[in-house]
Amino acid sequence: MSYILRHGPEKHGLTLDSQGFVSLGELAGALSVHVDDIRELVKTSHKLRFEISGEKIQSPIWPLSRGDASIRVV
């Protein structure tokens, strides 16, 4: 999930919006998992790698500023 959101969402048919979010449903489809599984993973992860807002998810912007990601959101 981190790899898809940070390095190649387009390789998986996903498009980030202007804030770096992608639809939870689309991400779940790309991963062949249920949206609830993604929500549970984000909720229980202590690493804070993801942010869910409504029905969208992103890998927060802070890793981008550290150079950990291949994509940039403008």
Protein backbone atom coordinates (compact mmCIF):
# COMPACT_ATOMS: atom_id res chain seq x y z
CA MET A 1 0.00 0.00 0.00
CA SER A 2 2.83 2.39 0.83
CA TYR A 3 4.59 1.58 -2.41
CA ILE A 4 1.47 2.11 -4.49
CA LEU A 5 0.61 5.46 -2.89
CA ARG A 6 4.15 6.82 -2.76
CA HIS A 7 5.81 5.50 -5.89
CA GLY A 8 3.41 4.43 -8.58
CA PRO A 9 -0.31 4.89 -8.17
CA GLU A 10 -0.73 5.23 -11.94
CA LYS A 11 0.83 1.77 -12.44
CA HIS A 12 -2.18 0.41 -10.55
CA GLY A 13 -4.79 2.54 -12.30
CA LEU A 14 -5.03 5.09 -9.48
CA THR A 15 -4.99 8.86 -9.76
CA LEU A 16 -4.11 11.09 -6.84
CA ASP A 17 -6.17 14.24 -6.38
CA SER A 18 -4.55 17.64 -5.82
CA GLN A 19 -4.10 16.86 -2.10
CA GLY A 20 -2.49 13.46 -2.72
CA PHE A 21 -5.60 11.42 -1.84
CA VAL A 22 -7.01 8.47 -3.74
CA SER A 23 -10.38 6.77 -3.38
CA LEU A 24 -10.43 4.03 -0.73
CA GLY A 25 -12.63 1.94 -3.00
CA GLU A 26 -10.22 2.24 -5.91
CA LEU A 27 -7.24 1.37 -3.72
CA ALA A 28 -9.10 -1.61 -2.27
CA GLY A 29 -9.85 -2.79 -5.80
CA ALA A 30 -6.20 -2.42 -6.85
CA LEU A 31 -5.14 -4.47 -3.81
CA SER A 32 -8.00 -6.99 -4.08
CA VAL A 33 -9.04 -6.34 -0.48
CA HIS A 34 -12.10 -4.88 1.21
CA VAL A 35 -12.22 -1.19 2.20
CA ASP A 36 -12.78 -2.25 5.82
CA ASP A 37 -9.46 -4.12 5.74
CA ILE A 38 -7.67 -0.92 4.73
CA ARG A 39 -9.48 1.07 7.43
CA GLU A 40 -8.48 -1.50 10.06
CA LEU A 41 -4.84 -1.49 8.92
CA VAL A 42 -4.64 2.30 9.12
CA LYS A 43 -6.43 2.36 12.48
CA THR A 44 -4.11 -0.21 14.09
CA SER A 45 -0.80 0.83 12.54
CA HIS A 46 1.53 2.65 14.88
CA LYS A 47 3.65 4.00 12.01
CA LEU A 48 1.15 6.69 10.93
CA ARG A 49 1.92 6.13 7.25
CA PHE A 50 -1.60 6.85 6.04
CA GLU A 51 -4.36 9.36 6.53
CA ILE A 52 -8.02 8.63 5.81
CA SER A 53 -10.38 11.50 5.16
CA GLY A 54 -13.93 10.49 4.37
CA GLU A 55 -13.72 7.94 1.58
CA LYS A 56 -10.17 8.84 0.55
CA ILE A 57 -6.72 7.82 1.71
CA GLN A 58 -3.25 9.25 1.31
CA SER A 59 0.27 8.60 2.37
CA PRO A 60 0.93 11.88 4.21
CA ILE A 61 2.90 14.63 2.57
CA TRP A 62 5.74 14.61 5.11
CA PRO A 63 7.50 11.61 3.54
CA LEU A 64 7.50 13.45 0.22
CA SER A 65 9.47 16.30 1.72
CA ARG A 66 12.07 13.83 3.02
CA GLY A 67 12.57 12.39 -0.44
CA ASP A 68 11.12 8.96 0.39
CA ALA A 69 8.73 9.03 -2.52
CA SER A 70 9.03 8.95 -6.27
CA ILE A 71 5.94 11.09 -6.90
CA ARG A 72 5.26 14.72 -6.19
CA VAL A 73 1.91 16.37 -5.58
CA VAL A 74 1.64 19.91 -6.81
